[in-house]
């Protein structure tokens, strides 16, 4: 897999590139936001994943993520020391597919890279069929991956959509955390649990319906159909 590493620290980039290369990745190193955007032009080499450090010298990493998402659907994993939930939600709202907090374990990073890659490879399965799920004011069009609330289109990331579509296909049914992680992230890796919590929080905020997705303590989540 080709991977674009966006990291301004050459020592960190060299060490990480060596590790990634040992695990079969073909790494291209960009030292700034501008270099990253130039590497992602349509006529350039295709990348399976973008590993984006937020502390860049020329542009804020969040700004770079937004620009990347406008020009490509390549999965983006943010890497940063900013560990608060608000920062994570902001990154996901801009289109990031995952968020890794420094310092991280190399095994964790590799697992997350493989997880977003598997999810991208299987996302067509989520959109099979031609049904539209209607939950009160919320309409979920599976073929077009479009969500509207009272007729207004809500911009969701790919995994936010996959998570909402999974829960919405069986309203009222409790989905175990492990089951959600397996079906949406295509992995059984336990460390994905925190990412699941962040995505649920982001969905609640975007839909402006915090009660739509209910947390079942110690088990998982369920979608509460409006009026139920």
C-alpha atoms as a PDB file:
ATOM      1  CA  UNK A   1       0.000   0.000   0.000  1.00  0.00           C
ATOM      2  CA  UNK A   2       1.171   3.522  -0.805  1.00  0.00           C
ATOM      3  CA  UNK A   3       1.029   5.816   2.235  1.00  0.00           C
ATOM      4  CA  UNK A   4       1.500   9.594   2.401  1.00  0.00           C
ATOM      5  CA  UNK A   5       3.218  10.618   5.639  1.00  0.00           C
ATOM      6  CA  UNK A   6       2.790  14.326   6.418  1.00  0.00           C
ATOM      7  CA  UNK A   7       5.334  15.134   9.139  1.00  0.00           C
ATOM      8  CA  UNK A   8       7.649  18.144   9.494  1.00  0.00           C
ATOM      9  CA  UNK A   9      10.114  16.452  11.873  1.00  0.00           C
ATOM     10  CA  UNK A  10      12.611  14.634   9.655  1.00  0.00           C
ATOM     11  CA  UNK A  11      13.892  12.401  12.470  1.00  0.00           C
ATOM     12  CA  UNK A  12      10.392  11.261  13.401  1.00  0.00           C
ATOM     13  CA  UNK A  13       9.503  10.772   9.741  1.00  0.00           C
ATOM     14  CA  UNK A  14      12.636   8.741   9.020  1.00  0.00           C
ATOM     15  CA  UNK A  15      12.063   6.405  11.974  1.00  0.00           C
ATOM     16  CA  UNK A  16       8.376   5.947  11.207  1.00  0.00           C
ATOM     17  CA  UNK A  17       9.013   5.472   7.483  1.00  0.00           C
ATOM     18  CA  UNK A  18      11.470   2.694   8.265  1.00  0.00           C
ATOM     19  CA  UNK A  19       8.930   0.927  10.468  1.00  0.00           C
ATOM     20  CA  UNK A  20       6.178   1.291   7.890  1.00  0.00           C
ATOM     21  CA  UNK A  21       8.461   0.045   5.124  1.00  0.00           C
ATOM     22  CA  UNK A  22       9.212  -3.095   7.152  1.00  0.00           C
ATOM     23  CA  UNK A  23       5.464  -3.737   7.249  1.00  0.00           C
ATOM     24  CA  UNK A  24       5.085  -3.462   3.480  1.00  0.00           C
ATOM     25  CA  UNK A  25       4.153   0.206   3.027  1.00  0.00           C
ATOM     26  CA  UNK A  26       5.515   2.366   0.228  1.00  0.00           C
ATOM     27  CA  UNK A  27       5.924   5.690   2.046  1.00  0.00           C
ATOM     28  CA  UNK A  28       6.014   9.169   0.507  1.00  0.00           C
ATOM     29  CA  UNK A  29       7.124  11.857   2.959  1.00  0.00           C
ATOM     30  CA  UNK A  30       5.673  15.379   2.822  1.00  0.00           C
ATOM     31  CA  UNK A  31       7.196  17.953   5.188  1.00  0.00           C
ATOM     32  CA  UNK A  32       4.442  20.556   4.971  1.00  0.00           C
ATOM     33  CA  UNK A  33       0.786  20.965   4.167  1.00  0.00           C
ATOM     34  CA  UNK A  34       1.601  22.349   0.739  1.00  0.00           C
ATOM     35  CA  UNK A  35       3.827  19.371  -0.120  1.00  0.00           C
ATOM     36  CA  UNK A  36       1.019  17.037   0.952  1.00  0.00           C
ATOM     37  CA  UNK A  37      -1.546  18.791  -1.219  1.00  0.00           C
ATOM     38  CA  UNK A  38       0.826  18.739  -4.201  1.00  0.00           C
ATOM     39  CA  UNK A  39       1.283  14.984  -3.751  1.00  0.00           C
ATOM     40  CA  UNK A  40      -2.467  14.460  -3.815  1.00  0.00           C
ATOM     41  CA  UNK A  41      -3.135  15.959  -7.257  1.00  0.00           C
ATOM     42  CA  UNK A  42      -5.329  13.708  -9.467  1.00  0.00           C
ATOM     43  CA  UNK A  43      -2.515  12.895 -11.870  1.00  0.00           C
ATOM     44  CA  UNK A  44      -0.182  11.932  -9.021  1.00  0.00           C
ATOM     45  CA  UNK A  45       0.313   8.507  -7.429  1.00  0.00           C
ATOM     46  CA  UNK A  46      -2.667   7.123  -5.572  1.00  0.00           C
ATOM     47  CA  UNK A  47      -2.407   6.628  -1.820  1.00  0.00           C
ATOM     48  CA  UNK A  48      -4.206   4.125   0.380  1.00  0.00           C
ATOM     49  CA  UNK A  49      -3.919   6.273   3.528  1.00  0.00           C
ATOM     50  CA  UNK A  50      -2.755   9.763   4.523  1.00  0.00           C
ATOM     51  CA  UNK A  51      -1.045   9.955   7.921  1.00  0.00           C
ATOM     52  CA  UNK A  52      -1.389  13.627   8.864  1.00  0.00           C
ATOM     53  CA  UNK A  53       0.496  15.313  11.704  1.00  0.00           C
ATOM     54  CA  UNK A  54      -1.338  18.458  12.832  1.00  0.00           C
ATOM     55  CA  UNK A  55       1.729  20.467  13.872  1.00  0.00           C
ATOM     56  CA  UNK A  56       2.866  21.626  10.426  1.00  0.00           C
ATOM     57  CA  UNK A  57       5.081  24.652   9.725  1.00  0.00           C
ATOM     58  CA  UNK A  58       3.034  26.300   6.965  1.00  0.00           C
ATOM     59  CA  UNK A  59      -0.619  25.502   7.662  1.00  0.00           C
ATOM     60  CA  UNK A  60      -2.753  24.229  10.507  1.00  0.00           C
ATOM     61  CA  UNK A  61      -3.243  20.494  10.165  1.00  0.00           C
ATOM     62  CA  UNK A  62      -7.006  20.846  10.461  1.00  0.00           C
ATOM     63  CA  UNK A  63      -6.980  23.226   7.483  1.00  0.00           C
ATOM     64  CA  UNK A  64      -4.905  20.754   5.494  1.00  0.00           C
ATOM     65  CA  UNK A  65      -7.330  17.943   6.334  1.00  0.00           C
ATOM     66  CA  UNK A  66     -10.245  19.995   5.025  1.00  0.00           C
ATOM     67  CA  UNK A  67      -8.413  20.685   1.784  1.00  0.00           C
ATOM     68  CA  UNK A  68      -7.472  17.030   1.379  1.00  0.00           C
ATOM     69  CA  UNK A  69     -11.057  15.943   1.844  1.00  0.00           C
ATOM     70  CA  UNK A  70     -12.233  18.347  -0.872  1.00  0.00           C
ATOM     71  CA  UNK A  71      -9.955  16.795  -3.472  1.00  0.00           C
ATOM     72  CA  UNK A  72      -9.822  13.098  -2.564  1.00  0.00           C
ATOM     73  CA  UNK A  73     -11.630  10.364  -0.673  1.00  0.00           C
ATOM     74  CA  UNK A  74      -8.364   8.840   0.557  1.00  0.00           C
ATOM     75  CA  UNK A  75      -8.657   7.900   4.255  1.00  0.00           C
ATOM     76  CA  UNK A  76      -6.954  10.395   6.581  1.00  0.00           C
ATOM     77  CA  UNK A  77      -5.591   9.500  10.011  1.00  0.00           C
ATOM     78  CA  UNK A  78      -4.714  12.534  12.138  1.00  0.00           C
ATOM     79  CA  UNK A  79      -1.703  12.228  14.437  1.00  0.00           C
ATOM     80  CA  UNK A  80      -1.450  14.789  17.218  1.00  0.00           C
ATOM     81  CA  UNK A  81      -0.733  15.474  20.873  1.00  0.00           C
ATOM     82  CA  UNK A  82      -4.164  17.137  21.218  1.00  0.00           C
ATOM     83  CA  UNK A  83      -6.080  14.500  23.154  1.00  0.00           C
ATOM     84  CA  UNK A  84      -9.275  16.315  24.199  1.00  0.00           C
ATOM     85  CA  UNK A  85     -12.597  15.111  22.795  1.00  0.00           C
ATOM     86  CA  UNK A  86     -13.430  18.508  21.266  1.00  0.00           C
ATOM     87  CA  UNK A  87     -10.264  18.410  19.130  1.00  0.00           C
ATOM     88  CA  UNK A  88     -11.069  14.873  17.996  1.00  0.00           C
ATOM     89  CA  UNK A  89     -14.624  15.788  17.055  1.00  0.00           C
ATOM     90  CA  UNK A  90     -13.354  18.831  15.143  1.00  0.00           C
ATOM     91  CA  UNK A  91     -10.978  16.624  13.171  1.00  0.00           C
ATOM     92  CA  UNK A  92     -13.691  14.098  12.375  1.00  0.00           C
ATOM     93  CA  UNK A  93     -16.054  16.867  11.299  1.00  0.00           C
ATOM     94  CA  UNK A  94     -13.431  17.999   8.797  1.00  0.00           C
ATOM     95  CA  UNK A  95     -13.408  14.519   7.269  1.00  0.00           C
ATOM     96  CA  UNK A  96     -10.676  12.634   9.127  1.00  0.00           C
ATOM     97  CA  UNK A  97     -11.278   8.896   9.284  1.00  0.00           C
ATOM     98  CA  UNK A  98      -9.392   8.318  12.526  1.00  0.00           C
ATOM     99  CA  UNK A  99      -7.389  10.145  15.178  1.00  0.00           C
ATOM    100  CA  UNK A 100      -4.239   8.889  16.934  1.00  0.00           C
ATOM    101  CA  UNK A 101      -2.863  10.668  19.996  1.00  0.00           C
ATOM    102  CA  UNK A 102       0.860  10.995  20.663  1.00  0.00           C
ATOM    103  CA  UNK A 103       2.686   9.211  22.125  1.00  0.00           C
ATOM    104  CA  UNK A 104       1.252   6.142  20.444  1.00  0.00           C
ATOM    105  CA  UNK A 105       2.255   2.512  20.252  1.00  0.00           C
ATOM    106  CA  UNK A 106       3.472   1.477  16.804  1.00  0.00           C
ATOM    107  CA  UNK A 107       1.213  -1.557  16.883  1.00  0.00           C
ATOM    108  CA  UNK A 108      -1.749   0.712  17.557  1.00  0.00           C
ATOM    109  CA  UNK A 109      -0.889   2.933  14.605  1.00  0.00           C
ATOM    110  CA  UNK A 110      -0.489  -0.031  12.259  1.00  0.00           C
ATOM    111  CA  UNK A 111      -3.791  -1.490  13.419  1.00  0.00           C
ATOM    112  CA  UNK A 112      -5.586   1.784  12.744  1.00  0.00           C
ATOM    113  CA  UNK A 113      -4.034   2.080   9.271  1.00  0.00           C
ATOM    114  CA  UNK A 114      -5.189  -1.430   8.375  1.00  0.00           C
ATOM    115  CA  UNK A 115      -8.628  -0.769   9.899  1.00  0.00           C
ATOM    116  CA  UNK A 116      -9.352   2.315   7.772  1.00  0.00           C
ATOM    117  CA  UNK A 117      -8.027   0.497   4.718  1.00  0.00           C
ATOM    118  CA  UNK A 118     -10.354  -2.446   5.267  1.00  0.00           C
ATOM    119  CA  UNK A 119     -13.271  -0.110   5.854  1.00  0.00           C
ATOM    120  CA  UNK A 120     -12.609   1.692   2.573  1.00  0.00           C
ATOM    121  CA  UNK A 121     -12.402  -1.596   0.696  1.00  0.00           C
ATOM    122  CA  UNK A 122     -15.723  -2.774   2.098  1.00  0.00           C
ATOM    123  CA  UNK A 123     -17.787   0.411   2.159  1.00  0.00           C
ATOM    124  CA  UNK A 124     -19.609  -0.534  -1.057  1.00  0.00           C
ATOM    125  CA  UNK A 125     -21.253  -3.340   0.902  1.00  0.00           C
ATOM    126  CA  UNK A 126     -22.855  -0.750   3.158  1.00  0.00           C
ATOM    127  CA  UNK A 127     -24.531   0.991   0.245  1.00  0.00           C
ATOM    128  CA  UNK A 128     -25.896  -2.103  -1.475  1.00  0.00           C
ATOM    129  CA  UNK A 129     -29.612  -2.077  -2.195  1.00  0.00           C
ATOM    130  CA  UNK A 130     -31.869   0.824  -3.006  1.00  0.00           C
ATOM    131  CA  UNK A 131     -33.652   1.476   0.282  1.00  0.00           C
ATOM    132  CA  UNK A 132     -34.205   4.699   2.191  1.00  0.00           C
ATOM    133  CA  UNK A 133     -34.445   4.518   5.966  1.00  0.00           C
ATOM    134  CA  UNK A 134     -36.970   6.958   7.457  1.00  0.00           C
ATOM    135  CA  UNK A 135     -36.817   7.746  11.156  1.00  0.00           C
ATOM    136  CA  UNK A 136     -39.101  10.683  11.745  1.00  0.00           C
ATOM    137  CA  UNK A 137     -37.343  13.771  10.394  1.00  0.00           C
ATOM    138  CA  UNK A 138     -34.202  11.755   9.649  1.00  0.00           C
ATOM    139  CA  UNK A 139     -33.933  10.198   6.170  1.00  0.00           C
ATOM    140  CA  UNK A 140     -30.978   7.953   5.328  1.00  0.00           C
ATOM    141  CA  UNK A 141     -30.464   7.151   1.649  1.00  0.00           C
ATOM    142  CA  UNK A 142     -28.216   4.108   1.499  1.00  0.00           C
ATOM    143  CA  UNK A 143     -27.358   4.148  -2.240  1.00  0.00           C
ATOM    144  CA  UNK A 144     -26.278   7.810  -2.261  1.00  0.00           C
ATOM    145  CA  UNK A 145     -25.021   7.822   1.353  1.00  0.00           C
ATOM    146  CA  UNK A 146     -26.994  11.003   1.996  1.00  0.00           C
ATOM    147  CA  UNK A 147     -28.597  11.937   5.305  1.00  0.00           C
ATOM    148  CA  UNK A 148     -31.190  14.684   5.701  1.00  0.00           C
ATOM    149  CA  UNK A 149     -32.928  16.081   8.769  1.00  0.00           C
ATOM    150  CA  UNK A 150     -36.148  17.961   7.994  1.00  0.00           C
ATOM    151  CA  UNK A 151     -34.979  18.147   4.386  1.00  0.00           C
ATOM    152  CA  UNK A 152     -31.572  19.630   5.220  1.00  0.00           C
ATOM    153  CA  UNK A 153     -28.561  17.610   4.081  1.00  0.00           C
ATOM    154  CA  UNK A 154     -26.208  16.706   6.936  1.00  0.00           C
ATOM    155  CA  UNK A 155     -22.556  16.297   5.987  1.00  0.00           C
ATOM    156  CA  UNK A 156     -21.207  13.111   7.539  1.00  0.00           C
ATOM    157  CA  UNK A 157     -17.856  11.386   7.233  1.00  0.00           C
ATOM    158  CA  UNK A 158     -17.879   7.917   5.738  1.00  0.00           C
ATOM    159  CA  UNK A 159     -17.612   6.136   9.052  1.00  0.00           C
ATOM    160  CA  UNK A 160     -20.220   8.373  10.665  1.00  0.00           C
ATOM    161  CA  UNK A 161     -22.610   7.368   7.877  1.00  0.00           C
ATOM    162  CA  UNK A 162     -21.738   3.685   8.211  1.00  0.00           C
ATOM    163  CA  UNK A 163     -22.318   3.834  11.965  1.00  0.00           C
ATOM    164  CA  UNK A 164     -25.655   5.623  11.638  1.00  0.00           C
ATOM    165  CA  UNK A 165     -26.842   3.305   8.841  1.00  0.00           C
ATOM    166  CA  UNK A 166     -25.958   0.227  10.903  1.00  0.00           C
ATOM    167  CA  UNK A 167     -27.934   1.395  13.941  1.00  0.00           C
ATOM    168  CA  UNK A 168     -30.834   2.726  11.847  1.00  0.00           C
ATOM    169  CA  UNK A 169     -31.439  -0.569  10.060  1.00  0.00           C
ATOM    170  CA  UNK A 170     -32.612  -2.064  13.375  1.00  0.00           C
ATOM    171  CA  UNK A 171     -34.068   0.724  15.542  1.00  0.00           C
ATOM    172  CA  UNK A 172     -34.391  -0.187  19.199  1.00  0.00           C
ATOM    173  CA  UNK A 173     -31.949  -3.081  18.946  1.00  0.00           C
ATOM    174  CA  UNK A 174     -28.865  -2.800  21.152  1.00  0.00           C
ATOM    175  CA  UNK A 175     -25.638  -3.241  19.184  1.00  0.00           C
ATOM    176  CA  UNK A 176     -22.685  -4.393  21.241  1.00  0.00           C
ATOM    177  CA  UNK A 177     -19.579  -2.236  20.979  1.00  0.00           C
ATOM    178  CA  UNK A 178     -17.616  -5.201  19.644  1.00  0.00           C
ATOM    179  CA  UNK A 179     -20.242  -5.811  16.955  1.00  0.00           C
ATOM    180  CA  UNK A 180     -20.226  -2.163  15.835  1.00  0.00           C
ATOM    181  CA  UNK A 181     -16.437  -2.070  15.674  1.00  0.00           C
ATOM    182  CA  UNK A 182     -16.401  -5.299  13.680  1.00  0.00           C
ATOM    183  CA  UNK A 183     -19.006  -4.161  11.135  1.00  0.00           C
ATOM    184  CA  UNK A 184     -18.029  -0.487  10.733  1.00  0.00           C
ATOM    185  CA  UNK A 185     -14.263  -0.593  11.271  1.00  0.00           C
ATOM    186  CA  UNK A 186     -13.787  -4.158  10.012  1.00  0.00           C
ATOM    187  CA  UNK A 187     -11.564  -5.031  12.943  1.00  0.00           C
ATOM    188  CA  UNK A 188     -11.791  -6.663  16.343  1.00  0.00           C
ATOM    189  CA  UNK A 189      -9.010  -4.522  17.777  1.00  0.00           C
ATOM    190  CA  UNK A 190     -10.130  -3.276  21.196  1.00  0.00           C
ATOM    191  CA  UNK A 191      -8.362   0.081  20.917  1.00  0.00           C
ATOM    192  CA  UNK A 192     -10.948   1.229  18.374  1.00  0.00           C
ATOM    193  CA  UNK A 193     -13.473   1.654  21.194  1.00  0.00           C
ATOM    194  CA  UNK A 194     -12.433   5.210  21.957  1.00  0.00           C
ATOM    195  CA  UNK A 195     -12.830   6.120  18.296  1.00  0.00           C
ATOM    196  CA  UNK A 196     -16.366   4.711  18.418  1.00  0.00           C
ATOM    197  CA  UNK A 197     -17.248   7.007  21.331  1.00  0.00           C
ATOM    198  CA  UNK A 198     -15.946  10.039  19.454  1.00  0.00           C
ATOM    199  CA  UNK A 199     -17.971   9.141  16.347  1.00  0.00           C
ATOM    200  CA  UNK A 200     -21.153   8.734  18.397  1.00  0.00           C
ATOM    201  CA  UNK A 201     -20.592  12.144  19.995  1.00  0.00           C
ATOM    202  CA  UNK A 202     -19.989  13.694  16.570  1.00  0.00           C
ATOM    203  CA  UNK A 203     -23.167  12.153  15.133  1.00  0.00           C
ATOM    204  CA  UNK A 204     -25.262  13.453  18.013  1.00  0.00           C
ATOM    205  CA  UNK A 205     -23.874  16.945  17.497  1.00  0.00           C
ATOM    206  CA  UNK A 206     -24.298  16.993  13.702  1.00  0.00           C
ATOM    207  CA  UNK A 207     -27.843  15.630  13.750  1.00  0.00           C
ATOM    208  CA  UNK A 208     -28.737  17.909  16.681  1.00  0.00           C
ATOM    209  CA  UNK A 209     -30.628  14.989  18.165  1.00  0.00           C
ATOM    210  CA  UNK A 210     -28.583  13.830  21.183  1.00  0.00           C
ATOM    211  CA  UNK A 211     -31.313  11.397  22.260  1.00  0.00           C
ATOM    212  CA  UNK A 212     -31.391   9.607  18.888  1.00  0.00           C
ATOM    213  CA  UNK A 213     -28.448   7.363  19.776  1.00  0.00           C
ATOM    214  CA  UNK A 214     -28.735   5.938  23.266  1.00  0.00           C
ATOM    215  CA  UNK A 215     -25.784   4.611  25.240  1.00  0.00           C
ATOM    216  CA  UNK A 216     -26.562   1.276  26.887  1.00  0.00           C
ATOM    217  CA  UNK A 217     -24.074   1.280  29.715  1.00  0.00           C
ATOM    218  CA  UNK A 218     -21.659  -1.611  29.673  1.00  0.00           C
ATOM    219  CA  UNK A 219     -23.095  -3.019  26.439  1.00  0.00           C
ATOM    220  CA  UNK A 220     -23.133  -0.636  23.470  1.00  0.00           C
ATOM    221  CA  UNK A 221     -25.534   1.650  21.613  1.00  0.00           C
ATOM    222  CA  UNK A 222     -28.996   1.636  20.091  1.00  0.00           C
ATOM    223  CA  UNK A 223     -30.934   4.022  17.897  1.00  0.00           C
ATOM    224  CA  UNK A 224     -34.142   5.285  19.482  1.00  0.00           C
ATOM    225  CA  UNK A 225     -36.719   5.878  16.774  1.00  0.00           C
ATOM    226  CA  UNK A 226     -38.444   9.269  17.138  1.00  0.00           C
ATOM    227  CA  UNK A 227     -41.810   8.838  18.858  1.00  0.00           C
ATOM    228  CA  UNK A 228     -40.845   5.438  20.269  1.00  0.00           C
END
